Amino acid sequence: MTEPASGTCLTPPRPDPGATGCLIHVHPAGPEVGTRYPLGDDPVFIGRGDDCAVRNLDGSVSRHHAQVARGVGGAHVVLDMGSTNGTYVNNQRRQLATLADGDFLRVGNCVYRYLTGGNLEARYR
């Protein structure tokens, strides 16, 4: 005979609207895999340039490939900066796109996973 379940349940943490999201480098394999890049209220550039917060030296990535910034309503948006090889969200080429939790962002041949600040995975180190 099984015991009836107790009335105890776990409540998932509530998303913190002020929390930052992050990009996690997931491809290609190498020393950069797993690197986390925090995203907050200030715009962040992805590219080969020395001034890019998400610096990627891969030859398929432009000097200032894309920008991630807070959009209206607080969601992060990605803007392609006129790159040669394009910016893709979930394998769809996009000039401008709002990012959703779990999206895959590809710049050139490099892929990042976007996690919102409320995502429990974003808190793992």
PDB file of N, CA and C in Angstrom:
ATOM      1  N   MET A   1       0.843  -1.172   0.000  1.00  0.00           N
ATOM      2  CA  MET A   1       0.000   0.000   0.000  1.00  0.00           C
ATOM      3  C   MET A   1       0.887   1.234   0.000  1.00  0.00           C
ATOM      4  N   THR A   2       0.482   2.229  -0.724  1.00  0.00           N
ATOM      5  CA  THR A   2       1.274   3.451  -0.794  1.00  0.00           C
ATOM      6  C   THR A   2       0.706   4.494   0.147  1.00  0.00           C
ATOM      7  N   GLU A   3       1.582   5.343   0.601  1.00  0.00           N
ATOM      8  CA  GLU A   3       1.183   6.445   1.477  1.00  0.00           C
ATOM      9  C   GLU A   3       0.591   7.568   0.640  1.00  0.00           C
ATOM     10  N   PRO A   4      -0.443   8.212   1.141  1.00  0.00           N
ATOM     11  CA  PRO A   4      -0.969   9.366   0.405  1.00  0.00           C
ATOM     12  C   PRO A   4       0.071  10.501   0.431  1.00  0.00           C
ATOM     13  N   ALA A   5       0.086  11.256  -0.609  1.00  0.00           N
ATOM     14  CA  ALA A   5       1.028  12.380  -0.696  1.00  0.00           C
ATOM     15  C   ALA A   5       0.686  13.417   0.361  1.00  0.00           C
ATOM     16  N   SER A   6       1.719  13.983   0.934  1.00  0.00           N
ATOM     17  CA  SER A   6       1.484  15.045   1.903  1.00  0.00           C
ATOM     18  C   SER A   6       1.075  16.307   1.160  1.00  0.00           C
ATOM     19  N   GLY A   7       0.571  17.259   1.862  1.00  0.00           N
ATOM     20  CA  GLY A   7       0.125  18.515   1.268  1.00  0.00           C
ATOM     21  C   GLY A   7       1.272  19.459   0.965  1.00  0.00           C
ATOM     22  N   THR A   8       2.503  18.992   1.138  1.00  0.00           N
ATOM     23  CA  THR A   8       3.656  19.858   0.917  1.00  0.00           C
ATOM     24  C   THR A   8       4.034  19.881  -0.561  1.00  0.00           C
ATOM     25  N   CYS A   9       4.294  21.055  -1.054  1.00  0.00           N
ATOM     26  CA  CYS A   9       4.779  21.161  -2.425  1.00  0.00           C
ATOM     27  C   CYS A   9       5.822  22.272  -2.485  1.00  0.00           C
ATOM     28  N   LEU A  10       6.646  22.184  -3.478  1.00  0.00           N
ATOM     29  CA  LEU A  10       7.666  23.201  -3.661  1.00  0.00           C
ATOM     30  C   LEU A  10       7.137  24.294  -4.573  1.00  0.00           C
ATOM     31  N   THR A  11       7.357  25.505  -4.179  1.00  0.00           N
ATOM     32  CA  THR A  11       6.962  26.640  -5.006  1.00  0.00           C
ATOM     33  C   THR A  11       8.187  27.108  -5.774  1.00  0.00           C
ATOM     34  N   PRO A  12       8.096  27.159  -7.095  1.00  0.00           N
ATOM     35  CA  PRO A  12       9.263  27.619  -7.851  1.00  0.00           C
ATOM     36  C   PRO A  12       9.551  29.081  -7.543  1.00  0.00           C
ATOM     37  N   PRO A  13      10.818  29.459  -7.620  1.00  0.00           N
ATOM     38  CA  PRO A  13      11.136  30.859  -7.356  1.00  0.00           C
ATOM     39  C   PRO A  13      10.463  31.767  -8.368  1.00  0.00           C
ATOM     40  N   ARG A  14      10.057  32.927  -7.913  1.00  0.00           N
ATOM     41  CA  ARG A  14       9.438  33.898  -8.805  1.00  0.00           C
ATOM     42  C   ARG A  14      10.517  34.620  -9.586  1.00  0.00           C
ATOM     43  N   PRO A  15      10.271  34.874 -10.862  1.00  0.00           N
ATOM     44  CA  PRO A  15      11.254  35.622 -11.636  1.00  0.00           C
ATOM     45  C   PRO A  15      11.438  37.013 -11.055  1.00  0.00           C
ATOM     46  N   ASP A  16      12.650  37.444 -11.009  1.00  0.00           N
ATOM     47  CA  ASP A  16      12.978  38.785 -10.545  1.00  0.00           C
ATOM     48  C   ASP A  16      13.008  39.694 -11.757  1.00  0.00           C
ATOM     49  N   PRO A  17      12.037  40.628 -11.893  1.00  0.00           N
ATOM     50  CA  PRO A  17      11.995  41.450 -13.090  1.00  0.00           C
ATOM     51  C   PRO A  17      13.243  42.301 -13.277  1.00  0.00           C
ATOM     52  N   GLY A  18      13.985  42.561 -12.208  1.00  0.00           N
ATOM     53  CA  GLY A  18      15.198  43.353 -12.319  1.00  0.00           C
ATOM     54  C   GLY A  18      16.432  42.521 -12.597  1.00  0.00           C
ATOM     55  N   ALA A  19      16.266  41.203 -12.604  1.00  0.00           N
ATOM     56  CA  ALA A  19      17.420  40.325 -12.790  1.00  0.00           C
ATOM     57  C   ALA A  19      17.922  40.401 -14.221  1.00  0.00           C
ATOM     58  N   THR A  20      19.194  40.176 -14.381  1.00  0.00           N
ATOM     59  CA  THR A  20      19.770  40.187 -15.715  1.00  0.00           C
ATOM     60  C   THR A  20      19.631  38.827 -16.347  1.00  0.00           C
ATOM     61  N   GLY A  21      19.589  38.813 -17.655  1.00  0.00           N
ATOM     62  CA  GLY A  21      19.644  37.566 -18.383  1.00  0.00           C
ATOM     63  C   GLY A  21      21.103  37.292 -18.712  1.00  0.00           C
ATOM     64  N   CYS A  22      21.336  36.262 -19.516  1.00  0.00           N
ATOM     65  CA  CYS A  22      22.709  35.985 -19.915  1.00  0.00           C
ATOM     66  C   CYS A  22      22.724  35.242 -21.235  1.00  0.00           C
ATOM     67  N   LEU A  23      23.870  35.327 -21.901  1.00  0.00           N
ATOM     68  CA  LEU A  23      24.166  34.501 -23.065  1.00  0.00           C
ATOM     69  C   LEU A  23      25.199  33.486 -22.639  1.00  0.00           C
ATOM     70  N   ILE A  24      25.028  32.243 -23.068  1.00  0.00           N
ATOM     71  CA  ILE A  24      25.988  31.184 -22.770  1.00  0.00           C
ATOM     72  C   ILE A  24      26.514  30.652 -24.096  1.00  0.00           C
ATOM     73  N   HIS A  25      27.822  30.654 -24.241  1.00  0.00           N
ATOM     74  CA  HIS A  25      28.461  30.163 -25.471  1.00  0.00           C
ATOM     75  C   HIS A  25      28.308  28.639 -25.505  1.00  0.00           C
ATOM     76  N   VAL A  26      27.646  28.124 -26.555  1.00  0.00           N
ATOM     77  CA  VAL A  26      27.419  26.680 -26.638  1.00  0.00           C
ATOM     78  C   VAL A  26      28.070  26.010 -27.851  1.00  0.00           C
ATOM     79  N   HIS A  27      28.497  26.782 -28.859  1.00  0.00           N
ATOM     80  CA  HIS A  27      29.113  26.197 -30.051  1.00  0.00           C
ATOM     81  C   HIS A  27      29.968  27.241 -30.735  1.00  0.00           C
ATOM     82  N   PRO A  28      31.108  26.907 -31.286  1.00  0.00           N
ATOM     83  CA  PRO A  28      31.706  25.589 -31.408  1.00  0.00           C
ATOM     84  C   PRO A  28      32.419  25.161 -30.130  1.00  0.00           C
ATOM     85  N   ALA A  29      32.744  23.872 -30.076  1.00  0.00           N
ATOM     86  CA  ALA A  29      33.450  23.329 -28.918  1.00  0.00           C
ATOM     87  C   ALA A  29      34.809  24.002 -28.792  1.00  0.00           C
ATOM     88  N   GLY A  30      35.252  24.153 -27.578  1.00  0.00           N
ATOM     89  CA  GLY A  30      36.552  24.771 -27.312  1.00  0.00           C
ATOM     90  C   GLY A  30      36.543  25.422 -25.950  1.00  0.00           C
ATOM     91  N   PRO A  31      37.567  26.189 -25.661  1.00  0.00           N
ATOM     92  CA  PRO A  31      37.694  26.770 -24.318  1.00  0.00           C
ATOM     93  C   PRO A  31      36.601  27.786 -23.969  1.00  0.00           C
ATOM     94  N   GLU A  32      35.915  28.327 -24.970  1.00  0.00           N
ATOM     95  CA  GLU A  32      34.874  29.326 -24.707  1.00  0.00           C
ATOM     96  C   GLU A  32      33.518  28.698 -24.341  1.00  0.00           C
ATOM     97  N   VAL A  33      33.334  27.414 -24.616  1.00  0.00           N
ATOM     98  CA  VAL A  33      32.048  26.771 -24.329  1.00  0.00           C
ATOM     99  C   VAL A  33      31.731  26.895 -22.846  1.00  0.00           C
ATOM    100  N   GLY A  34      30.514  27.309 -22.555  1.00  0.00           N
ATOM    101  CA  GLY A  34      30.073  27.474 -21.173  1.00  0.00           C
ATOM    102  C   GLY A  34      30.317  28.865 -20.622  1.00  0.00           C
ATOM    103  N   THR A  35      31.033  29.706 -21.361  1.00  0.00           N
ATOM    104  CA  THR A  35      31.263  31.071 -20.887  1.00  0.00           C
ATOM    105  C   THR A  35      29.938  31.816 -20.834  1.00  0.00           C
ATOM    106  N   ARG A  36      29.711  32.503 -19.694  1.00  0.00           N
ATOM    107  CA  ARG A  36      28.470  33.252 -19.487  1.00  0.00           C
ATOM    108  C   ARG A  36      28.743  34.730 -19.660  1.00  0.00           C
ATOM    109  N   TYR A  37      27.842  35.380 -20.371  1.00  0.00           N
ATOM    110  CA  TYR A  37      27.934  36.822 -20.578  1.00  0.00           C
ATOM    111  C   TYR A  37      26.657  37.455 -20.025  1.00  0.00           C
ATOM    112  N   PRO A  38      26.768  38.178 -18.909  1.00  0.00           N
ATOM    113  CA  PRO A  38      25.568  38.770 -18.314  1.00  0.00           C
ATOM    114  C   PRO A  38      24.997  39.885 -19.188  1.00  0.00           C
ATOM    115  N   LEU A  39      23.689  39.972 -19.203  1.00  0.00           N
ATOM    116  CA  LEU A  39      22.977  41.023 -19.925  1.00  0.00           C
ATOM    117  C   LEU A  39      22.144  41.802 -18.926  1.00  0.00           C
ATOM    118  N   GLY A  40      22.213  43.092 -19.004  1.00  0.00           N
ATOM    119  CA  GLY A  40      21.435  43.934 -18.098  1.00  0.00           C
ATOM    120  C   GLY A  40      20.708  45.001 -18.887  1.00  0.00           C
ATOM    121  N   ASP A  41      20.723  46.206 -18.352  1.00  0.00           N
ATOM    122  CA  ASP A  41      20.025  47.310 -18.993  1.00  0.00           C
ATOM    123  C   ASP A  41      20.848  47.990 -20.079  1.00  0.00           C
ATOM    124  N   ASP A  42      22.174  47.881 -19.993  1.00  0.00           N
ATOM    125  CA  ASP A  42      23.038  48.534 -20.977  1.00  0.00           C
ATOM    126  C   ASP A  42      23.202  47.661 -22.215  1.00  0.00           C
ATOM    127  N   PRO A  43      23.235  48.272 -23.402  1.00  0.00           N
ATOM    128  CA  PRO A  43      23.449  47.498 -24.628  1.00  0.00           C
ATOM    129  C   PRO A  43      24.800  46.782 -24.611  1.00  0.00           C
ATOM    130  N   VAL A  44      24.833  45.602 -25.217  1.00  0.00           N
ATOM    131  CA  VAL A  44      26.029  44.770 -25.282  1.00  0.00           C
ATOM    132  C   VAL A  44      26.279  44.427 -26.747  1.00  0.00           C
ATOM    133  N   PHE A  45      27.522  44.603 -27.203  1.00  0.00           N
ATOM    134  CA  PHE A  45      27.878  44.227 -28.562  1.00  0.00           C
ATOM    135  C   PHE A  45      28.516  42.851 -28.572  1.00  0.00           C
ATOM    136  N   ILE A  46      28.211  42.091 -29.629  1.00  0.00           N
ATOM    137  CA  ILE A  46      28.826  40.793 -29.886  1.00  0.00           C
ATOM    138  C   ILE A  46      29.674  40.965 -31.139  1.00  0.00           C
ATOM    139  N   GLY A  47      30.950  40.590 -31.052  1.00  0.00           N
ATOM    140  CA  GLY A  47      31.790  40.703 -32.240  1.00  0.00           C
ATOM    141  C   GLY A  47      33.256  40.499 -31.928  1.00  0.00           C
ATOM    142  N   ARG A  48      34.082  40.707 -32.951  1.00  0.00           N
ATOM    143  CA  ARG A  48      35.528  40.550 -32.807  1.00  0.00           C
ATOM    144  C   ARG A  48      36.199  41.796 -32.255  1.00  0.00           C
ATOM    145  N   GLY A  49      35.506  42.918 -32.240  1.00  0.00           N
ATOM    146  CA  GLY A  49      36.101  44.177 -31.810  1.00  0.00           C
ATOM    147  C   GLY A  49      36.551  44.158 -30.362  1.00  0.00           C
ATOM    148  N   ASP A  50      37.623  44.901 -30.081  1.00  0.00           N
ATOM    149  CA  ASP A  50      38.156  44.983 -28.716  1.00  0.00           C
ATOM    150  C   ASP A  50      37.139  45.540 -27.730  1.00  0.00           C
ATOM    151  N   ASP A  51      36.214  46.353 -28.214  1.00  0.00           N
ATOM    152  CA  ASP A  51      35.239  46.994 -27.332  1.00  0.00           C
ATOM    153  C   ASP A  51      33.956  46.179 -27.147  1.00  0.00           C
ATOM    154  N   CYS A  52      33.900  44.972 -27.693  1.00  0.00           N
ATOM    155  CA  CYS A  52      32.696  44.134 -27.568  1.00  0.00           C
ATOM    156  C   CYS A  52      32.695  43.406 -26.227  1.00  0.00           C
ATOM    157  N   ALA A  53      31.571  43.485 -25.513  1.00  0.00           N
ATOM    158  CA  ALA A  53      31.439  42.790 -24.231  1.00  0.00           C
ATOM    159  C   ALA A  53      31.403  41.277 -24.434  1.00  0.00           C
ATOM    160  N   VAL A  54      30.816  40.836 -25.544  1.00  0.00           N
ATOM    161  CA  VAL A  54      30.817  39.416 -25.911  1.00  0.00           C
ATOM    162  C   VAL A  54      31.789  39.317 -27.084  1.00  0.00           C
ATOM    163  N   ARG A  55      33.046  39.123 -26.751  1.00  0.00           N
ATOM    164  CA  ARG A  55      34.105  39.137 -27.761  1.00  0.00           C
ATOM    165  C   ARG A  55      34.290  37.731 -28.299  1.00  0.00           C
ATOM    166  N   ASN A  56      34.278  37.634 -29.622  1.00  0.00           N
ATOM    167  CA  ASN A  56      34.397  36.348 -30.284  1.00  0.00           C
ATOM    168  C   ASN A  56      35.344  36.524 -31.465  1.00  0.00           C
ATOM    169  N   LEU A  57      36.469  35.840 -31.445  1.00  0.00           N
ATOM    170  CA  LEU A  57      37.501  36.012 -32.463  1.00  0.00           C
ATOM    171  C   LEU A  57      37.321  35.126 -33.692  1.00  0.00           C
ATOM    172  N   ASP A  58      36.228  34.369 -33.743  1.00  0.00           N
ATOM    173  CA  ASP A  58      35.963  33.507 -34.892  1.00  0.00           C
ATOM    174  C   ASP A  58      35.865  34.366 -36.158  1.00  0.00           C
ATOM    175  N   GLY A  59      36.478  33.898 -37.248  1.00  0.00           N
ATOM    176  CA  GLY A  59      36.498  34.643 -38.500  1.00  0.00           C
ATOM    177  C   GLY A  59      35.136  34.848 -39.139  1.00  0.00           C
ATOM    178  N   SER A  60      34.132  34.070 -38.743  1.00  0.00           N
ATOM    179  CA  SER A  60      32.788  34.221 -39.305  1.00  0.00           C
ATOM    180  C   SER A  60      31.992  35.328 -38.609  1.00  0.00           C
ATOM    181  N   VAL A  61      32.565  35.892 -37.549  1.00  0.00           N
ATOM    182  CA  VAL A  61      31.899  36.929 -36.758  1.00  0.00           C
ATOM    183  C   VAL A  61      32.467  38.289 -37.157  1.00  0.00           C
ATOM    184  N   SER A  62      31.595  39.245 -37.430  1.00  0.00           N
ATOM    185  CA  SER A  62      32.017  40.599 -37.799  1.00  0.00           C
ATOM    186  C   SER A  62      32.560  41.337 -36.585  1.00  0.00           C
ATOM    187  N   ARG A  63      33.260  42.444 -36.825  1.00  0.00           N
ATOM    188  CA  ARG A  63      33.820  43.227 -35.709  1.00  0.00           C
ATOM    189  C   ARG A  63      32.738  43.689 -34.744  1.00  0.00           C
ATOM    190  N   HIS A  64      31.635  44.178 -35.262  1.00  0.00           N
ATOM    191  CA  HIS A  64      30.459  44.535 -34.459  1.00  0.00           C
ATOM    192  C   HIS A  64      29.277  43.834 -35.117  1.00  0.00           C
ATOM    193  N   HIS A  65      29.127  42.575 -34.797  1.00  0.00           N
ATOM    194  CA  HIS A  65      28.182  41.688 -35.483  1.00  0.00           C
ATOM    195  C   HIS A  65      26.733  41.987 -35.092  1.00  0.00           C
ATOM    196  N   ALA A  66      26.479  42.052 -33.779  1.00  0.00           N
ATOM    197  CA  ALA A  66      25.117  42.240 -33.298  1.00  0.00           C
ATOM    198  C   ALA A  66      25.137  42.987 -31.968  1.00  0.00           C
ATOM    199  N   GLN A  67      23.989  43.532 -31.629  1.00  0.00           N
ATOM    200  CA  GLN A  67      23.825  44.223 -30.352  1.00  0.00           C
ATOM    201  C   GLN A  67      22.629  43.619 -29.631  1.00  0.00           C
ATOM    202  N   VAL A  68      22.781  43.396 -28.330  1.00  0.00           N
ATOM    203  CA  VAL A  68      21.672  42.949 -27.490  1.00  0.00           C
ATOM    204  C   VAL A  68      21.391  44.069 -26.501  1.00  0.00           C
ATOM    205  N   ALA A  69      20.125  44.483 -26.430  1.00  0.00           N
ATOM    206  CA  ALA A  69      19.737  45.591 -25.555  1.00  0.00           C
ATOM    207  C   ALA A  69      18.352  45.317 -24.984  1.00  0.00           C
ATOM    208  N   ARG A  70      18.002  46.037 -23.927  1.00  0.00           N
ATOM    209  CA  ARG A  70      16.644  45.956 -23.381  1.00  0.00           C
ATOM    210  C   ARG A  70      15.704  46.677 -24.326  1.00  0.00           C
ATOM    211  N   GLY A  71      14.606  46.027 -24.622  1.00  0.00           N
ATOM    212  CA  GLY A  71      13.585  46.640 -25.461  1.00  0.00           C
ATOM    213  C   GLY A  71      12.446  47.169 -24.614  1.00  0.00           C
ATOM    214  N   VAL A  72      11.433  47.643 -25.278  1.00  0.00           N
ATOM    215  CA  VAL A  72      10.234  48.118 -24.601  1.00  0.00           C
ATOM    216  C   VAL A  72       9.622  46.946 -23.833  1.00  0.00           C
ATOM    217  N   GLY A  73       9.259  47.160 -22.608  1.00  0.00           N
ATOM    218  CA  GLY A  73       8.688  46.094 -21.789  1.00  0.00           C
ATOM    219  C   GLY A  73       9.718  45.283 -21.037  1.00  0.00           C
ATOM    220  N   GLY A  74      11.006  45.568 -21.247  1.00  0.00           N
ATOM    221  CA  GLY A  74      12.047  44.912 -20.469  1.00  0.00           C
ATOM    222  C   GLY A  74      12.675  43.687 -21.093  1.00  0.00           C
ATOM    223  N   ALA A  75      12.110  43.172 -22.193  1.00  0.00           N
ATOM    224  CA  ALA A  75      12.694  41.993 -22.842  1.00  0.00           C
ATOM    225  C   ALA A  75      13.956  42.402 -23.592  1.00  0.00           C
ATOM    226  N   HIS A  76      14.888  41.472 -23.721  1.00  0.00           N
ATOM    227  CA  HIS A  76      16.089  41.736 -24.506  1.00  0.00           C
ATOM    228  C   HIS A  76      15.783  41.529 -25.989  1.00  0.00           C
ATOM    229  N   VAL A  77      16.349  42.404 -26.808  1.00  0.00           N
ATOM    230  CA  VAL A  77      16.211  42.292 -28.257  1.00  0.00           C
ATOM    231  C   VAL A  77      17.606  42.233 -28.865  1.00  0.00           C
ATOM    232  N   VAL A  78      17.723  41.541 -29.988  1.00  0.00           N
ATOM    233  CA  VAL A  78      18.995  41.472 -30.705  1.00  0.00           C
ATOM    234  C   VAL A  78      18.817  42.185 -32.038  1.00  0.00           C
ATOM    235  N   LEU A  79      19.829  42.959 -32.402  1.00  0.00           N
ATOM    236  CA  LEU A  79      19.837  43.711 -33.641  1.00  0.00           C
ATOM    237  C   LEU A  79      21.101  43.361 -34.414  1.00  0.00           C
ATOM    238  N   ASP A  80      20.936  42.890 -35.651  1.00  0.00           N
ATOM    239  CA  ASP A  80      22.097  42.633 -36.502  1.00  0.00           C
ATOM    240  C   ASP A  80      22.654  43.984 -36.932  1.00  0.00           C
ATOM    241  N   MET A  81      23.966  44.147 -36.848  1.00  0.00           N
ATOM    242  CA  MET A  81      24.616  45.423 -37.136  1.00  0.00           C
ATOM    243  C   MET A  81      25.154  45.482 -38.573  1.00  0.00           C
ATOM    244  N   GLY A  82      24.497  44.799 -39.493  1.00  0.00           N
ATOM    245  CA  GLY A  82      24.951  44.785 -40.879  1.00  0.00           C
ATOM    246  C   GLY A  82      26.049  43.768 -41.117  1.00  0.00           C
ATOM    247  N   SER A  83      26.033  42.696 -40.355  1.00  0.00           N
ATOM    248  CA  SER A  83      27.073  41.673 -40.454  1.00  0.00           C
ATOM    249  C   SER A  83      27.051  40.970 -41.811  1.00  0.00           C
ATOM    250  N   THR A  84      28.176  40.405 -42.173  1.00  0.00           N
ATOM    251  CA  THR A  84      28.293  39.668 -43.427  1.00  0.00           C
ATOM    252  C   THR A  84      27.554  38.336 -43.365  1.00  0.00           C
ATOM    253  N   ASN A  85      27.696  37.603 -42.262  1.00  0.00           N
ATOM    254  CA  ASN A  85      27.155  36.241 -42.166  1.00  0.00           C
ATOM    255  C   ASN A  85      25.819  36.147 -41.444  1.00  0.00           C
ATOM    256  N   GLY A  86      25.273  37.255 -41.007  1.00  0.00           N
ATOM    257  CA  GLY A  86      23.930  37.265 -40.456  1.00  0.00           C
ATOM    258  C   GLY A  86      23.827  36.887 -38.990  1.00  0.00           C
ATOM    259  N   THR A  87      22.672  37.220 -38.444  1.00  0.00           N
ATOM    260  CA  THR A  87      22.305  36.904 -37.070  1.00  0.00           C
ATOM    261  C   THR A  87      21.043  36.057 -37.129  1.00  0.00           C
ATOM    262  N   TYR A  88      21.054  34.947 -36.402  1.00  0.00           N
ATOM    263  CA  TYR A  88      19.948  33.996 -36.455  1.00  0.00           C
ATOM    264  C   TYR A  88      19.414  33.750 -35.050  1.00  0.00           C
ATOM    265  N   VAL A  89      18.101  33.692 -34.929  1.00  0.00           N
ATOM    266  CA  VAL A  89      17.454  33.300 -33.681  1.00  0.00           C
ATOM    267  C   VAL A  89      16.678  32.031 -33.989  1.00  0.00           C
ATOM    268  N   ASN A  90      17.057  30.952 -33.309  1.00  0.00           N
ATOM    269  CA  ASN A  90      16.433  29.646 -33.549  1.00  0.00           C
ATOM    270  C   ASN A  90      16.447  29.278 -35.043  1.00  0.00           C
ATOM    271  N   ASN A  91      17.613  29.496 -35.675  1.00  0.00           N
ATOM    272  CA  ASN A  91      17.861  29.151 -37.075  1.00  0.00           C
ATOM    273  C   ASN A  91      17.064  29.964 -38.087  1.00  0.00           C
ATOM    274  N   GLN A  92      16.513  31.095 -37.684  1.00  0.00           N
ATOM    275  CA  GLN A  92      15.848  31.996 -38.622  1.00  0.00           C
ATOM    276  C   GLN A  92      16.631  33.299 -38.670  1.00  0.00           C
ATOM    277  N   ARG A  93      17.057  33.684 -39.875  1.00  0.00           N
ATOM    278  CA  ARG A  93      17.830  34.919 -40.012  1.00  0.00           C
ATOM    279  C   ARG A  93      16.948  36.103 -39.640  1.00  0.00           C
ATOM    280  N   ARG A  94      17.480  36.943 -38.768  1.00  0.00           N
ATOM    281  CA  ARG A  94      16.700  38.083 -38.268  1.00  0.00           C
ATOM    282  C   ARG A  94      17.546  39.344 -38.250  1.00  0.00           C
ATOM    283  N   GLN A  95      16.968  40.439 -38.653  1.00  0.00           N
ATOM    284  CA  GLN A  95      17.600  41.749 -38.524  1.00  0.00           C
ATOM    285  C   GLN A  95      17.372  42.284 -37.111  1.00  0.00           C
ATOM    286  N   LEU A  96      16.167  42.045 -36.604  1.00  0.00           N
ATOM    287  CA  LEU A  96      15.768  42.477 -35.265  1.00  0.00           C
ATOM    288  C   LEU A  96      14.835  41.421 -34.700  1.00  0.00           C
ATOM    289  N   ALA A  97      15.084  41.002 -33.453  1.00  0.00           N
ATOM    290  CA  ALA A  97      14.228  39.978 -32.842  1.00  0.00           C
ATOM    291  C   ALA A  97      14.218  40.134 -31.334  1.00  0.00           C
ATOM    292  N   THR A  98      13.076  39.890 -30.747  1.00  0.00           N
ATOM    293  CA  THR A  98      12.959  39.829 -29.291  1.00  0.00           C
ATOM    294  C   THR A  98      13.363  38.433 -28.858  1.00  0.00           C
ATOM    295  N   LEU A  99      14.241  38.360 -27.867  1.00  0.00           N
ATOM    296  CA  LEU A  99      14.716  37.068 -27.383  1.00  0.00           C
ATOM    297  C   LEU A  99      13.792  36.524 -26.307  1.00  0.00           C
ATOM    298  N   ALA A 100      13.542  35.232 -26.361  1.00  0.00           N
ATOM    299  CA  ALA A 100      12.733  34.541 -25.355  1.00  0.00           C
ATOM    300  C   ALA A 100      13.630  33.546 -24.629  1.00  0.00           C
ATOM    301  N   ASP A 101      13.266  33.224 -23.411  1.00  0.00           N
ATOM    302  CA  ASP A 101      14.038  32.289 -22.603  1.00  0.00           C
ATOM    303  C   ASP A 101      14.293  30.995 -23.366  1.00  0.00           C
ATOM    304  N   GLY A 102      15.568  30.600 -23.440  1.00  0.00           N
ATOM    305  CA  GLY A 102      15.934  29.359 -24.096  1.00  0.00           C
ATOM    306  C   GLY A 102      16.271  29.487 -25.572  1.00  0.00           C
ATOM    307  N   ASP A 103      16.108  30.672 -26.157  1.00  0.00           N
ATOM    308  CA  ASP A 103      16.415  30.856 -27.572  1.00  0.00           C
ATOM    309  C   ASP A 103      17.889  30.594 -27.859  1.00  0.00           C
ATOM    310  N   PHE A 104      18.155  30.143 -29.070  1.00  0.00           N
ATOM    311  CA  PHE A 104      19.523  29.991 -29.555  1.00  0.00           C
ATOM    312  C   PHE A 104      19.821  31.165 -30.484  1.00  0.00           C
ATOM    313  N   LEU A 105      20.906  31.868 -30.191  1.00  0.00           N
ATOM    314  CA  LEU A 105      21.330  33.022 -30.966  1.00  0.00           C
ATOM    315  C   LEU A 105      22.615  32.643 -31.693  1.00  0.00           C
ATOM    316  N   ARG A 106      22.590  32.721 -33.028  1.00  0.00           N
ATOM    317  CA  ARG A 106      23.779  32.381 -33.816  1.00  0.00           C
ATOM    318  C   ARG A 106      24.302  33.628 -34.491  1.00  0.00           C
ATOM    319  N   VAL A 107      25.582  33.895 -34.289  1.00  0.00           N
ATOM    320  CA  VAL A 107      26.285  34.971 -34.980  1.00  0.00           C
ATOM    321  C   VAL A 107      27.427  34.301 -35.744  1.00  0.00           C
ATOM    322  N   GLY A 108      27.406  34.459 -37.072  1.00  0.00           N
ATOM    323  CA  GLY A 108      28.374  33.711 -37.871  1.00  0.00           C
ATOM    324  C   GLY A 108      28.170  32.226 -37.635  1.00  0.00           C
ATOM    325  N   ASN A 109      29.252  31.530 -37.281  1.00  0.00           N
ATOM    326  CA  ASN A 109      29.178  30.091 -37.004  1.00  0.00           C
ATOM    327  C   ASN A 109      29.103  29.781 -35.515  1.00  0.00           C
ATOM    328  N   CYS A 110      28.897  30.783 -34.683  1.00  0.00           N
ATOM    329  CA  CYS A 110      28.936  30.611 -33.226  1.00  0.00           C
ATOM    330  C   CYS A 110      27.540  30.733 -32.634  1.00  0.00           C
ATOM    331  N   VAL A 111      27.250  29.867 -31.672  1.00  0.00           N
ATOM    332  CA  VAL A 111      25.908  29.797 -31.099  1.00  0.00           C
ATOM    333  C   VAL A 111      25.960  30.081 -29.602  1.00  0.00           C
ATOM    334  N   TYR A 112      24.993  30.879 -29.152  1.00  0.00           N
ATOM    335  CA  TYR A 112      24.807  31.209 -27.741  1.00  0.00           C
ATOM    336  C   TYR A 112      23.390  30.823 -27.353  1.00  0.00           C
ATOM    337  N   ARG A 113      23.214  30.475 -26.101  1.00  0.00           N
ATOM    338  CA  ARG A 113      21.867  30.205 -25.562  1.00  0.00           C
ATOM    339  C   ARG A 113      21.497  31.385 -24.695  1.00  0.00           C
ATOM    340  N   TYR A 114      20.302  31.926 -24.899  1.00  0.00           N
ATOM    341  CA  TYR A 114      19.817  33.060 -24.116  1.00  0.00           C
ATOM    342  C   TYR A 114      18.953  32.544 -22.967  1.00  0.00           C
ATOM    343  N   LEU A 115      19.275  32.965 -21.756  1.00  0.00           N
ATOM    344  CA  LEU A 115      18.468  32.624 -20.582  1.00  0.00           C
ATOM    345  C   LEU A 115      18.057  33.908 -19.895  1.00  0.00           C
ATOM    346  N   THR A 116      16.793  33.989 -19.528  1.00  0.00           N
ATOM    347  CA  THR A 116      16.319  35.169 -18.807  1.00  0.00           C
ATOM    348  C   THR A 116      16.771  35.107 -17.355  1.00  0.00           C
ATOM    349  N   GLY A 117      16.730  36.250 -16.696  1.00  0.00           N
ATOM    350  CA  GLY A 117      17.151  36.314 -15.298  1.00  0.00           C
ATOM    351  C   GLY A 117      16.313  35.443 -14.386  1.00  0.00           C
ATOM    352  N   GLY A 118      15.056  35.177 -14.772  1.00  0.00           N
ATOM    353  CA  GLY A 118      14.192  34.346 -13.949  1.00  0.00           C
ATOM    354  C   GLY A 118      14.407  32.860 -14.154  1.00  0.00           C
ATOM    355  N   ASN A 119      15.210  32.481 -15.107  1.00  0.00           N
ATOM    356  CA  ASN A 119      15.466  31.075 -15.408  1.00  0.00           C
ATOM    357  C   ASN A 119      16.445  30.521 -14.378  1.00  0.00           C
ATOM    358  N   LEU A 120      16.074  29.427 -13.748  1.00  0.00           N
ATOM    359  CA  LEU A 120      16.918  28.823 -12.722  1.00  0.00           C
ATOM    360  C   LEU A 120      18.295  28.451 -13.283  1.00  0.00           C
ATOM    361  N   GLU A 121      18.347  27.995 -14.545  1.00  0.00           N
ATOM    362  CA  GLU A 121      19.630  27.629 -15.159  1.00  0.00           C
ATOM    363  C   GLU A 121      20.578  28.819 -15.227  1.00  0.00           C
ATOM    364  N   ALA A 122      20.033  30.008 -15.363  1.00  0.00           N
ATOM    365  CA  ALA A 122      20.880  31.207 -15.459  1.00  0.00           C
ATOM    366  C   ALA A 122      21.649  31.455 -14.172  1.00  0.00           C
ATOM    367  N   ARG A 123      21.196  30.859 -13.087  1.00  0.00           N
ATOM    368  CA  ARG A 123      21.862  31.062 -11.795  1.00  0.00           C
ATOM    369  C   ARG A 123      22.966  30.056 -11.524  1.00  0.00           C
ATOM    370  N   TYR A 124      23.035  28.972 -12.324  1.00  0.00           N
ATOM    371  CA  TYR A 124      24.102  27.982 -12.138  1.00  0.00           C
ATOM    372  C   TYR A 124      25.415  28.571 -12.571  1.00  0.00           C
ATOM    373  N   ARG A 125      26.468  28.210 -11.911  1.00  0.00           N
ATOM    374  CA  ARG A 125      27.791  28.714 -12.267  1.00  0.00           C
ATOM    375  C   ARG A 125      28.671  27.563 -12.672  1.00  0.00           C
TER     376      ARG A 125
END
